[in-house]
Amino acid sequence: NYADSVKGRFTISRDNAKKMVFLQMNSLKPEDTAVYYCNRNFGSNDI
């Protein structure tokens, strides 16, 4: 699932075997400027 502001432009994917997560960002806009953080969640536990 995606934020409405990035739908159709961003794509998230994961490779569990390689322990990697990716975010492909296309058609970037100035309002996409930010610090981007990766998160792992299980219930109330966040990394």
ModelCIF file with pLDDT and N, C-alpha, C, O atoms, coordinates in Angstrom:
data_MODEL
#
_entry.id   MODEL 
#
_entity.id                         1 
_entity.type                       polymer 
_entity.pdbx_number_of_molecules   1 
#
_entity_poly.entity_id                      1 
_entity_poly.type                           'polypeptide(L)' 
_entity_poly.nstd_linkage                   no 
_entity_poly.nstd_monomer                   no 
_entity_poly.pdbx_seq_one_letter_code       NYADSVKGRFTISRDNAKKMVFLQMNSLKPEDTAVYYCNRNFGSNDI 
_entity_poly.pdbx_seq_one_letter_code_can   NYADSVKGRFTISRDNAKKMVFLQMNSLKPEDTAVYYCNRNFGSNDI 
_entity_poly.pdbx_strand_id                 A 
#
loop_
_entity_poly_seq.entity_id 
_entity_poly_seq.num 
_entity_poly_seq.mon_id 
_entity_poly_seq.hetero 
1 1  ASN n 
1 2  TYR n 
1 3  ALA n 
1 4  ASP n 
1 5  SER n 
1 6  VAL n 
1 7  LYS n 
1 8  GLY n 
1 9  ARG n 
1 10 PHE n 
1 11 THR n 
1 12 ILE n 
1 13 SER n 
1 14 ARG n 
1 15 ASP n 
1 16 ASN n 
1 17 ALA n 
1 18 LYS n 
1 19 LYS n 
1 20 MET n 
1 21 VAL n 
1 22 PHE n 
1 23 LEU n 
1 24 GLN n 
1 25 MET n 
1 26 ASN n 
1 27 SER n 
1 28 LEU n 
1 29 LYS n 
1 30 PRO n 
1 31 GLU n 
1 32 ASP n 
1 33 THR n 
1 34 ALA n 
1 35 VAL n 
1 36 TYR n 
1 37 TYR n 
1 38 CYS n 
1 39 ASN n 
1 40 ARG n 
1 41 ASN n 
1 42 PHE n 
1 43 GLY n 
1 44 SER n 
1 45 ASN n 
1 46 ASP n 
1 47 ILE n 
#
_struct_asym.id          A 
_struct_asym.entity_id   1 
#
loop_
_ma_qa_metric.id 
_ma_qa_metric.mode 
_ma_qa_metric.name 
_ma_qa_metric.software_group_id 
_ma_qa_metric.type 
1 global pLDDT . pLDDT 
2 local  pLDDT . pLDDT 
#
_ma_qa_metric_global.metric_id      1 
_ma_qa_metric_global.metric_value   96.19 
_ma_qa_metric_global.model_id       1 
_ma_qa_metric_global.ordinal_id     1 
#
loop_
_ma_qa_metric_local.label_asym_id 
_ma_qa_metric_local.label_comp_id 
_ma_qa_metric_local.label_seq_id 
_ma_qa_metric_local.metric_id 
_ma_qa_metric_local.metric_value 
_ma_qa_metric_local.model_id 
_ma_qa_metric_local.ordinal_id 
A ASN 1  2 97.00 1 1  
A TYR 2  2 98.00 1 2  
A ALA 3  2 98.00 1 3  
A ASP 4  2 98.00 1 4  
A SER 5  2 98.00 1 5  
A VAL 6  2 98.00 1 6  
A LYS 7  2 98.00 1 7  
A GLY 8  2 98.00 1 8  
A ARG 9  2 98.00 1 9  
A PHE 10 2 98.00 1 10 
A THR 11 2 98.00 1 11 
A ILE 12 2 98.00 1 12 
A SER 13 2 97.00 1 13 
A ARG 14 2 95.00 1 14 
A ASP 15 2 93.00 1 15 
A ASN 16 2 90.00 1 16 
A ALA 17 2 90.00 1 17 
A LYS 18 2 93.00 1 18 
A LYS 19 2 93.00 1 19 
A MET 20 2 95.00 1 20 
A VAL 21 2 96.00 1 21 
A PHE 22 2 98.00 1 22 
A LEU 23 2 98.00 1 23 
A GLN 24 2 98.00 1 24 
A MET 25 2 98.00 1 25 
A ASN 26 2 98.00 1 26 
A SER 27 2 98.00 1 27 
A LEU 28 2 98.00 1 28 
A LYS 29 2 98.00 1 29 
A PRO 30 2 97.00 1 30 
A GLU 31 2 97.00 1 31 
A ASP 32 2 98.00 1 32 
A THR 33 2 98.00 1 33 
A ALA 34 2 98.00 1 34 
A VAL 35 2 98.00 1 35 
A TYR 36 2 98.00 1 36 
A TYR 37 2 98.00 1 37 
A CYS 38 2 97.00 1 38 
A ASN 39 2 97.00 1 39 
A ARG 40 2 95.00 1 40 
A ASN 41 2 94.00 1 41 
A PHE 42 2 92.00 1 42 
A GLY 43 2 91.00 1 43 
A SER 44 2 92.00 1 44 
A ASN 45 2 92.00 1 45 
A ASP 46 2 94.00 1 46 
A ILE 47 2 94.00 1 47 
#
loop_
_atom_site.group_PDB 
_atom_site.id 
_atom_site.type_symbol 
_atom_site.label_atom_id 
_atom_site.label_alt_id 
_atom_site.label_comp_id 
_atom_site.label_asym_id 
_atom_site.label_entity_id 
_atom_site.label_seq_id 
_atom_site.pdbx_PDB_ins_code 
_atom_site.Cartn_x 
_atom_site.Cartn_y 
_atom_site.Cartn_z 
_atom_site.occupancy 
_atom_site.B_iso_or_equiv 
_atom_site.pdbx_formal_charge 
_atom_site.auth_seq_id 
_atom_site.auth_comp_id 
_atom_site.auth_asym_id 
_atom_site.auth_atom_id 
_atom_site.pdbx_PDB_model_num 
ATOM 1   N N  . ASN A 1 1  ? 0.851  -1.186  0.000   1.00 97.00 ? 1  ASN A N  1 
ATOM 2   C CA . ASN A 1 1  ? 0.000  0.000   0.000   1.00 97.00 ? 1  ASN A CA 1 
ATOM 3   C C  . ASN A 1 1  ? 0.887  1.237   0.000   1.00 97.00 ? 1  ASN A C  1 
ATOM 4   O O  . ASN A 1 1  ? 2.017  1.224   0.489   1.00 97.00 ? 1  ASN A O  1 
ATOM 5   N N  . TYR A 1 2  ? 0.335  2.305   -0.566  1.00 98.00 ? 2  TYR A N  1 
ATOM 6   C CA . TYR A 1 2  ? 1.095  3.520   -0.826  1.00 98.00 ? 2  TYR A CA 1 
ATOM 7   C C  . TYR A 1 2  ? 0.335  4.751   -0.348  1.00 98.00 ? 2  TYR A C  1 
ATOM 8   O O  . TYR A 1 2  ? -0.895 4.768   -0.305  1.00 98.00 ? 2  TYR A O  1 
ATOM 9   N N  . ALA A 1 3  ? 1.089  5.767   0.004   1.00 98.00 ? 3  ALA A N  1 
ATOM 10  C CA . ALA A 1 3  ? 0.486  7.068   0.233   1.00 98.00 ? 3  ALA A CA 1 
ATOM 11  C C  . ALA A 1 3  ? -0.103 7.573   -1.081  1.00 98.00 ? 3  ALA A C  1 
ATOM 12  O O  . ALA A 1 3  ? 0.446  7.324   -2.155  1.00 98.00 ? 3  ALA A O  1 
ATOM 13  N N  . ASP A 1 4  ? -1.214 8.277   -0.985  1.00 98.00 ? 4  ASP A N  1 
ATOM 14  C CA . ASP A 1 4  ? -1.859 8.779   -2.209  1.00 98.00 ? 4  ASP A CA 1 
ATOM 15  C C  . ASP A 1 4  ? -0.906 9.641   -3.032  1.00 98.00 ? 4  ASP A C  1 
ATOM 16  O O  . ASP A 1 4  ? -0.969 9.646   -4.262  1.00 98.00 ? 4  ASP A O  1 
ATOM 17  N N  . SER A 1 5  ? -0.036 10.359  -2.360  1.00 98.00 ? 5  SER A N  1 
ATOM 18  C CA . SER A 1 5  ? 0.851  11.294  -3.047  1.00 98.00 ? 5  SER A CA 1 
ATOM 19  C C  . SER A 1 5  ? 1.899  10.612  -3.924  1.00 98.00 ? 5  SER A C  1 
ATOM 20  O O  . SER A 1 5  ? 2.499  11.261  -4.781  1.00 98.00 ? 5  SER A O  1 
ATOM 21  N N  . VAL A 1 6  ? 2.128  9.306   -3.721  1.00 98.00 ? 6  VAL A N  1 
ATOM 22  C CA . VAL A 1 6  ? 3.170  8.609   -4.491  1.00 98.00 ? 6  VAL A CA 1 
ATOM 23  C C  . VAL A 1 6  ? 2.612  7.483   -5.359  1.00 98.00 ? 6  VAL A C  1 
ATOM 24  O O  . VAL A 1 6  ? 3.358  6.858   -6.113  1.00 98.00 ? 6  VAL A O  1 
ATOM 25  N N  . LYS A 1 7  ? 1.325  7.222   -5.262  1.00 98.00 ? 7  LYS A N  1 
ATOM 26  C CA . LYS A 1 7  ? 0.733  6.140   -6.059  1.00 98.00 ? 7  LYS A CA 1 
ATOM 27  C C  . LYS A 1 7  ? 0.977  6.369   -7.548  1.00 98.00 ? 7  LYS A C  1 
ATOM 28  O O  . LYS A 1 7  ? 0.796  7.470   -8.068  1.00 98.00 ? 7  LYS A O  1 
ATOM 29  N N  . GLY A 1 8  ? 1.392  5.298   -8.213  1.00 98.00 ? 8  GLY A N  1 
ATOM 30  C CA . GLY A 1 8  ? 1.670  5.378   -9.640  1.00 98.00 ? 8  GLY A CA 1 
ATOM 31  C C  . GLY A 1 8  ? 3.061  5.861   -9.968  1.00 98.00 ? 8  GLY A C  1 
ATOM 32  O O  . GLY A 1 8  ? 3.486  5.787   -11.121 1.00 98.00 ? 8  GLY A O  1 
ATOM 33  N N  . ARG A 1 9  ? 3.785  6.357   -8.970  1.00 98.00 ? 9  ARG A N  1 
ATOM 34  C CA . ARG A 1 9  ? 5.151  6.850   -9.207  1.00 98.00 ? 9  ARG A CA 1 
ATOM 35  C C  . ARG A 1 9  ? 6.200  6.014   -8.480  1.00 98.00 ? 9  ARG A C  1 
ATOM 36  O O  . ARG A 1 9  ? 7.303  5.814   -8.989  1.00 98.00 ? 9  ARG A O  1 
ATOM 37  N N  . PHE A 1 10 ? 5.853  5.526   -7.282  1.00 98.00 ? 10 PHE A N  1 
ATOM 38  C CA . PHE A 1 10 ? 6.796  4.762   -6.460  1.00 98.00 ? 10 PHE A CA 1 
ATOM 39  C C  . PHE A 1 10 ? 6.390  3.291   -6.427  1.00 98.00 ? 10 PHE A C  1 
ATOM 40  O O  . PHE A 1 10 ? 5.209  2.951   -6.507  1.00 98.00 ? 10 PHE A O  1 
ATOM 41  N N  . THR A 1 11 ? 7.393  2.433   -6.306  1.00 98.00 ? 11 THR A N  1 
ATOM 42  C CA . THR A 1 11 ? 7.144  1.002   -6.188  1.00 98.00 ? 11 THR A CA 1 
ATOM 43  C C  . THR A 1 11 ? 8.037  0.422   -5.104  1.00 98.00 ? 11 THR A C  1 
ATOM 44  O O  . THR A 1 11 ? 9.257  0.584   -5.137  1.00 98.00 ? 11 THR A O  1 
ATOM 45  N N  . ILE A 1 12 ? 7.421  -0.252  -4.146  1.00 98.00 ? 12 ILE A N  1 
ATOM 46  C CA . ILE A 1 12 ? 8.176  -0.916  -3.081  1.00 98.00 ? 12 ILE A CA 1 
ATOM 47  C C  . ILE A 1 12 ? 8.289  -2.396  -3.413  1.00 98.00 ? 12 ILE A C  1 
ATOM 48  O O  . ILE A 1 12 ? 7.362  -2.999  -3.953  1.00 98.00 ? 12 ILE A O  1 
ATOM 49  N N  . SER A 1 13 ? 9.439  -2.972  -3.081  1.00 97.00 ? 13 SER A N  1 
ATOM 50  C CA . SER A 1 13 ? 9.640  -4.404  -3.283  1.00 97.00 ? 13 SER A CA 1 
ATOM 51  C C  . SER A 1 13 ? 10.577 -4.921  -2.198  1.00 97.00 ? 13 SER A C  1 
ATOM 52  O O  . SER A 1 13 ? 11.238 -4.147  -1.507  1.00 97.00 ? 13 SER A O  1 
ATOM 53  N N  . ARG A 1 14 ? 10.621 -6.236  -2.063  1.00 95.00 ? 14 ARG A N  1 
ATOM 54  C CA . ARG A 1 14 ? 11.484 -6.833  -1.047  1.00 95.00 ? 14 ARG A CA 1 
ATOM 55  C C  . ARG A 1 14 ? 12.043 -8.143  -1.564  1.00 95.00 ? 14 ARG A C  1 
ATOM 56  O O  . ARG A 1 14 ? 11.438 -8.815  -2.399  1.00 95.00 ? 14 ARG A O  1 
ATOM 57  N N  . ASP A 1 15 ? 13.215 -8.490  -1.046  1.00 93.00 ? 15 ASP A N  1 
ATOM 58  C CA . ASP A 1 15 ? 13.859 -9.772  -1.330  1.00 93.00 ? 15 ASP A CA 1 
ATOM 59  C C  . ASP A 1 15 ? 14.246 -10.352 0.019   1.00 93.00 ? 15 ASP A C  1 
ATOM 60  O O  . ASP A 1 15 ? 15.284 -10.003 0.580   1.00 93.00 ? 15 ASP A O  1 
ATOM 61  N N  . ASN A 1 16 ? 13.403 -11.243 0.538   1.00 90.00 ? 16 ASN A N  1 
ATOM 62  C CA . ASN A 1 16 ? 13.638 -11.770 1.888   1.00 90.00 ? 16 ASN A CA 1 
ATOM 63  C C  . ASN A 1 16 ? 14.934 -12.573 1.972   1.00 90.00 ? 16 ASN A C  1 
ATOM 64  O O  . ASN A 1 16 ? 15.631 -12.523 2.985   1.00 90.00 ? 16 ASN A O  1 
ATOM 65  N N  . ALA A 1 17 ? 15.252 -13.300 0.927   1.00 90.00 ? 17 ALA A N  1 
ATOM 66  C CA . ALA A 1 17 ? 16.467 -14.127 0.947   1.00 90.00 ? 17 ALA A CA 1 
ATOM 67  C C  . ALA A 1 17 ? 17.718 -13.264 1.054   1.00 90.00 ? 17 ALA A C  1 
ATOM 68  O O  . ALA A 1 17 ? 18.675 -13.622 1.741   1.00 90.00 ? 17 ALA A O  1 
ATOM 69  N N  . LYS A 1 18 ? 17.701 -12.130 0.371   1.00 93.00 ? 18 LYS A N  1 
ATOM 70  C CA . LYS A 1 18 ? 18.852 -11.223 0.412   1.00 93.00 ? 18 LYS A CA 1 
ATOM 71  C C  . LYS A 1 18 ? 18.717 -10.184 1.513   1.00 93.00 ? 18 LYS A C  1 
ATOM 72  O O  . LYS A 1 18 ? 19.614 -9.366  1.712   1.00 93.00 ? 18 LYS A O  1 
ATOM 73  N N  . LYS A 1 19 ? 17.601 -10.214 2.227   1.00 93.00 ? 19 LYS A N  1 
ATOM 74  C CA . LYS A 1 19 ? 17.341 -9.272  3.326   1.00 93.00 ? 19 LYS A CA 1 
ATOM 75  C C  . LYS A 1 19 ? 17.438 -7.829  2.852   1.00 93.00 ? 19 LYS A C  1 
ATOM 76  O O  . LYS A 1 19 ? 18.120 -6.996  3.450   1.00 93.00 ? 19 LYS A O  1 
ATOM 77  N N  . MET A 1 20 ? 16.735 -7.561  1.756   1.00 95.00 ? 20 MET A N  1 
ATOM 78  C CA . MET A 1 20 ? 16.759 -6.236  1.151   1.00 95.00 ? 20 MET A CA 1 
ATOM 79  C C  . MET A 1 20 ? 15.332 -5.754  0.886   1.00 95.00 ? 20 MET A C  1 
ATOM 80  O O  . MET A 1 20 ? 14.432 -6.543  0.598   1.00 95.00 ? 20 MET A O  1 
ATOM 81  N N  . VAL A 1 21 ? 15.158 -4.449  0.992   1.00 96.00 ? 21 VAL A N  1 
ATOM 82  C CA . VAL A 1 21 ? 13.914 -3.799  0.619   1.00 96.00 ? 21 VAL A CA 1 
ATOM 83  C C  . VAL A 1 21 ? 14.272 -2.623  -0.289  1.00 96.00 ? 21 VAL A C  1 
ATOM 84  O O  . VAL A 1 21 ? 15.283 -1.954  -0.076  1.00 96.00 ? 21 VAL A O  1 
ATOM 85  N N  . PHE A 1 22 ? 13.446 -2.378  -1.295  1.00 98.00 ? 22 PHE A N  1 
ATOM 86  C CA . PHE A 1 22 ? 13.748 -1.343  -2.274  1.00 98.00 ? 22 PHE A CA 1 
ATOM 87  C C  . PHE A 1 22 ? 12.563 -0.391  -2.432  1.00 98.00 ? 22 PHE A C  1 
ATOM 88  O O  . PHE A 1 22 ? 11.409 -0.752  -2.198  1.00 98.00 ? 22 PHE A O  1 
ATOM 89  N N  . LEU A 1 23 ? 12.886 0.824   -2.831  1.00 98.00 ? 23 LEU A N  1 
ATOM 90  C CA . LEU A 1 23 ? 11.852 1.789   -3.199  1.00 98.00 ? 23 LEU A CA 1 
ATOM 91  C C  . LEU A 1 23 ? 12.285 2.447   -4.505  1.00 98.00 ? 23 LEU A C  1 
ATOM 92  O O  . LEU A 1 23 ? 13.211 3.259   -4.533  1.00 98.00 ? 23 LEU A O  1 
ATOM 93  N N  . GLN A 1 24 ? 11.603 2.085   -5.577  1.00 98.00 ? 24 GLN A N  1 
ATOM 94  C CA . GLN A 1 24 ? 11.847 2.710   -6.867  1.00 98.00 ? 24 GLN A CA 1 
ATOM 95  C C  . GLN A 1 24 ? 10.987 3.953   -6.961  1.00 98.00 ? 24 GLN A C  1 
ATOM 96  O O  . GLN A 1 24 ? 9.764  3.883   -6.842  1.00 98.00 ? 24 GLN A O  1 
ATOM 97  N N  . MET A 1 25 ? 11.627 5.090   -7.174  1.00 98.00 ? 25 MET A N  1 
ATOM 98  C CA . MET A 1 25 ? 10.920 6.367   -7.203  1.00 98.00 ? 25 MET A CA 1 
ATOM 99  C C  . MET A 1 25 ? 11.089 6.994   -8.571  1.00 98.00 ? 25 MET A C  1 
ATOM 100 O O  . MET A 1 25 ? 12.204 7.320   -8.977  1.00 98.00 ? 25 MET A O  1 
ATOM 101 N N  . ASN A 1 26 ? 9.992  7.162   -9.279  1.00 98.00 ? 26 ASN A N  1 
ATOM 102 C CA . ASN A 1 26 ? 9.997  7.767   -10.604 1.00 98.00 ? 26 ASN A CA 1 
ATOM 103 C C  . ASN A 1 26 ? 9.210  9.069   -10.588 1.00 98.00 ? 26 ASN A C  1 
ATOM 104 O O  . ASN A 1 26 ? 8.447  9.339   -9.660  1.00 98.00 ? 26 ASN A O  1 
ATOM 105 N N  . SER A 1 27 ? 9.404  9.861   -11.618 1.00 98.00 ? 27 SER A N  1 
ATOM 106 C CA . SER A 1 27 ? 8.677  11.130  -11.760 1.00 98.00 ? 27 SER A CA 1 
ATOM 107 C C  . SER A 1 27 ? 8.743  11.953  -10.487 1.00 98.00 ? 27 SER A C  1 
ATOM 108 O O  . SER A 1 27 ? 7.731  12.459  -10.004 1.00 98.00 ? 27 SER A O  1 
ATOM 109 N N  . LEU A 1 28 ? 9.931  12.077  -9.958  1.00 98.00 ? 28 LEU A N  1 
ATOM 110 C CA . LEU A 1 28 ? 10.104 12.755  -8.675  1.00 98.00 ? 28 LEU A CA 1 
ATOM 111 C C  . LEU A 1 28 ? 9.730  14.224  -8.764  1.00 98.00 ? 28 LEU A C  1 
ATOM 112 O O  . LEU A 1 28 ? 9.924  14.878  -9.789  1.00 98.00 ? 28 LEU A O  1 
ATOM 113 N N  . LYS A 1 29 ? 9.190  14.723  -7.662  1.00 98.00 ? 29 LYS A N  1 
ATOM 114 C CA . LYS A 1 29 ? 8.741  16.106  -7.554  1.00 98.00 ? 29 LYS A CA 1 
ATOM 115 C C  . LYS A 1 29 ? 9.479  16.803  -6.413  1.00 98.00 ? 29 LYS A C  1 
ATOM 116 O O  . LYS A 1 29 ? 9.958  16.134  -5.497  1.00 98.00 ? 29 LYS A O  1 
ATOM 117 N N  . PRO A 1 30 ? 9.579  18.106  -6.450  1.00 97.00 ? 30 PRO A N  1 
ATOM 118 C CA . PRO A 1 30 ? 10.244 18.807  -5.332  1.00 97.00 ? 30 PRO A CA 1 
ATOM 119 C C  . PRO A 1 30 ? 9.633  18.469  -3.982  1.00 97.00 ? 30 PRO A C  1 
ATOM 120 O O  . PRO A 1 30 ? 10.339 18.434  -2.974  1.00 97.00 ? 30 PRO A O  1 
ATOM 121 N N  . GLU A 1 31 ? 8.342  18.223  -3.951  1.00 97.00 ? 31 GLU A N  1 
ATOM 122 C CA . GLU A 1 31 ? 7.690  17.899  -2.671  1.00 97.00 ? 31 GLU A CA 1 
ATOM 123 C C  . GLU A 1 31 ? 8.033  16.509  -2.154  1.00 97.00 ? 31 GLU A C  1 
ATOM 124 O O  . GLU A 1 31 ? 7.635  16.148  -1.046  1.00 97.00 ? 31 GLU A O  1 
ATOM 125 N N  . ASP A 1 32 ? 8.763  15.727  -2.937  1.00 98.00 ? 32 ASP A N  1 
ATOM 126 C CA . ASP A 1 32 ? 9.265  14.441  -2.455  1.00 98.00 ? 32 ASP A CA 1 
ATOM 127 C C  . ASP A 1 32 ? 10.551 14.598  -1.651  1.00 98.00 ? 32 ASP A C  1 
ATOM 128 O O  . ASP A 1 32 ? 11.042 13.628  -1.074  1.00 98.00 ? 32 ASP A O  1 
ATOM 129 N N  . THR A 1 33 ? 11.092 15.795  -1.609  1.00 98.00 ? 33 THR A N  1 
ATOM 130 C CA . THR A 1 33 ? 12.316 16.047  -0.851  1.00 98.00 ? 33 THR A CA 1 
ATOM 131 C C  . THR A 1 33 ? 12.102 15.761  0.629   1.00 98.00 ? 33 THR A C  1 
ATOM 132 O O  . THR A 1 33 ? 11.191 16.307  1.252   1.00 98.00 ? 33 THR A O  1 
ATOM 133 N N  . ALA A 1 34 ? 12.949 14.903  1.184   1.00 98.00 ? 34 ALA A N  1 
ATOM 134 C CA . ALA A 1 34 ? 12.816 14.489  2.580   1.00 98.00 ? 34 ALA A CA 1 
ATOM 135 C C  . ALA A 1 34 ? 13.944 13.520  2.924   1.00 98.00 ? 34 ALA A C  1 
ATOM 136 O O  . ALA A 1 34 ? 14.696 13.075  2.057   1.00 98.00 ? 34 ALA A O  1 
ATOM 137 N N  . VAL A 1 35 ? 14.036 13.216  4.189   1.00 98.00 ? 35 VAL A N  1 
ATOM 138 C CA . VAL A 1 35 ? 14.855 12.085  4.621   1.00 98.00 ? 35 VAL A CA 1 
ATOM 139 C C  . VAL A 1 35 ? 13.955 10.846  4.599   1.00 98.00 ? 35 VAL A C  1 
ATOM 140 O O  . VAL A 1 35 ? 12.865 10.848  5.171   1.00 98.00 ? 35 VAL A O  1 
ATOM 141 N N  . TYR A 1 36 ? 14.420 9.805   3.939   1.00 98.00 ? 36 TYR A N  1 
ATOM 142 C CA . TYR A 1 36 ? 13.651 8.572   3.793   1.00 98.00 ? 36 TYR A CA 1 
ATOM 143 C C  . TYR A 1 36 ? 14.204 7.511   4.737   1.00 98.00 ? 36 TYR A C  1 
ATOM 144 O O  . TYR A 1 36 ? 15.409 7.268   4.800   1.00 98.00 ? 36 TYR A O  1 
ATOM 145 N N  . TYR A 1 37 ? 13.283 6.889   5.469   1.00 98.00 ? 37 TYR A N  1 
ATOM 146 C CA . TYR A 1 37 ? 13.652 5.902   6.478   1.00 98.00 ? 37 TYR A CA 1 
ATOM 147 C C  . TYR A 1 37 ? 13.056 4.538   6.140   1.00 98.00 ? 37 TYR A C  1 
ATOM 148 O O  . TYR A 1 37 ? 11.911 4.433   5.700   1.00 98.00 ? 37 TYR A O  1 
ATOM 149 N N  . CYS A 1 38 ? 13.843 3.519   6.352   1.00 97.00 ? 38 CYS A N  1 
ATOM 150 C CA . CYS A 1 38 ? 13.378 2.141   6.230   1.00 97.00 ? 38 CYS A CA 1 
ATOM 151 C C  . CYS A 1 38 ? 12.866 1.684   7.593   1.00 97.00 ? 38 CYS A C  1 
ATOM 152 O O  . CYS A 1 38 ? 13.413 2.063   8.628   1.00 97.00 ? 38 CYS A O  1 
ATOM 153 N N  . ASN A 1 39 ? 11.824 0.876   7.584   1.00 97.00 ? 39 ASN A N  1 
ATOM 154 C CA . ASN A 1 39 ? 11.203 0.413   8.827   1.00 97.00 ? 39 ASN A CA 1 
ATOM 155 C C  . ASN A 1 39 ? 10.864 -1.058  8.732   1.00 97.00 ? 39 ASN A C  1 
ATOM 156 O O  . ASN A 1 39 ? 10.393 -1.539  7.701   1.00 97.00 ? 39 ASN A O  1 
ATOM 157 N N  . ARG A 1 40 ? 11.114 -1.771  9.832   1.00 95.00 ? 40 ARG A N  1 
ATOM 158 C CA . ARG A 1 40 ? 10.672 -3.159  9.966   1.00 95.00 ? 40 ARG A CA 1 
ATOM 159 C C  . ARG A 1 40 ? 9.681  -3.217  11.114  1.00 95.00 ? 40 ARG A C  1 
ATOM 160 O O  . ARG A 1 40 ? 9.983  -2.776  12.222  1.00 95.00 ? 40 ARG A O  1 
ATOM 161 N N  . ASN A 1 41 ? 8.517  -3.750  10.858  1.00 94.00 ? 41 ASN A N  1 
ATOM 162 C CA . ASN A 1 41 ? 7.457  -3.762  11.860  1.00 94.00 ? 41 ASN A CA 1 
ATOM 163 C C  . ASN A 1 41 ? 6.929  -5.160  12.103  1.00 94.00 ? 41 ASN A C  1 
ATOM 164 O O  . ASN A 1 41 ? 6.711  -5.939  11.175  1.00 94.00 ? 41 ASN A O  1 
ATOM 165 N N  . PHE A 1 42 ? 6.726  -5.459  13.393  1.00 92.00 ? 42 PHE A N  1 
ATOM 166 C CA . PHE A 1 42 ? 6.001  -6.665  13.796  1.00 92.00 ? 42 PHE A CA 1 
ATOM 167 C C  . PHE A 1 42 ? 5.208  -6.315  15.039  1.00 92.00 ? 42 PHE A C  1 
ATOM 168 O O  . PHE A 1 42 ? 5.770  -6.205  16.129  1.00 92.00 ? 42 PHE A O  1 
ATOM 169 N N  . GLY A 1 43 ? 3.908  -6.140  14.881  1.00 91.00 ? 43 GLY A N  1 
ATOM 170 C CA . GLY A 1 43 ? 3.073  -5.720  15.995  1.00 91.00 ? 43 GLY A CA 1 
ATOM 171 C C  . GLY A 1 43 ? 3.474  -4.337  16.465  1.00 91.00 ? 43 GLY A C  1 
ATOM 172 O O  . GLY A 1 43 ? 3.453  -3.378  15.694  1.00 91.00 ? 43 GLY A O  1 
ATOM 173 N N  . SER A 1 44 ? 3.841  -4.238  17.742  1.00 92.00 ? 44 SER A N  1 
ATOM 174 C CA . SER A 1 44 ? 4.236  -2.950  18.306  1.00 92.00 ? 44 SER A CA 1 
ATOM 175 C C  . SER A 1 44 ? 5.742  -2.733  18.252  1.00 92.00 ? 44 SER A C  1 
ATOM 176 O O  . SER A 1 44 ? 6.253  -1.745  18.779  1.00 92.00 ? 44 SER A O  1 
ATOM 177 N N  . ASN A 1 45 ? 6.435  -3.642  17.626  1.00 92.00 ? 45 ASN A N  1 
ATOM 178 C CA . ASN A 1 45 ? 7.890  -3.552  17.553  1.00 92.00 ? 45 ASN A CA 1 
ATOM 179 C C  . ASN A 1 45 ? 8.326  -2.934  16.232  1.00 92.00 ? 45 ASN A C  1 
ATOM 180 O O  . ASN A 1 45 ? 8.003  -3.440  15.158  1.00 92.00 ? 45 ASN A O  1 
ATOM 181 N N  . ASP A 1 46 ? 9.059  -1.839  16.327  1.00 94.00 ? 46 ASP A N  1 
ATOM 182 C CA . ASP A 1 46 ? 9.554  -1.144  15.135  1.00 94.00 ? 46 ASP A CA 1 
ATOM 183 C C  . ASP A 1 46 ? 11.070 -0.995  15.200  1.00 94.00 ? 46 ASP A C  1 
ATOM 184 O O  . ASP A 1 46 ? 11.639 -0.651  16.235  1.00 94.00 ? 46 ASP A O  1 
ATOM 185 N N  . ILE A 1 47 ? 11.698 -1.262  14.070  1.00 94.00 ? 47 ILE A N  1 
ATOM 186 C CA . ILE A 1 47 ? 13.121 -1.007  13.897  1.00 94.00 ? 47 ILE A CA 1 
ATOM 187 C C  . ILE A 1 47 ? 13.262 0.020   12.771  1.00 94.00 ? 47 ILE A C  1 
ATOM 188 O O  . ILE A 1 47 ? 14.378 0.409   12.426  1.00 94.00 ? 47 ILE A O  1 
#
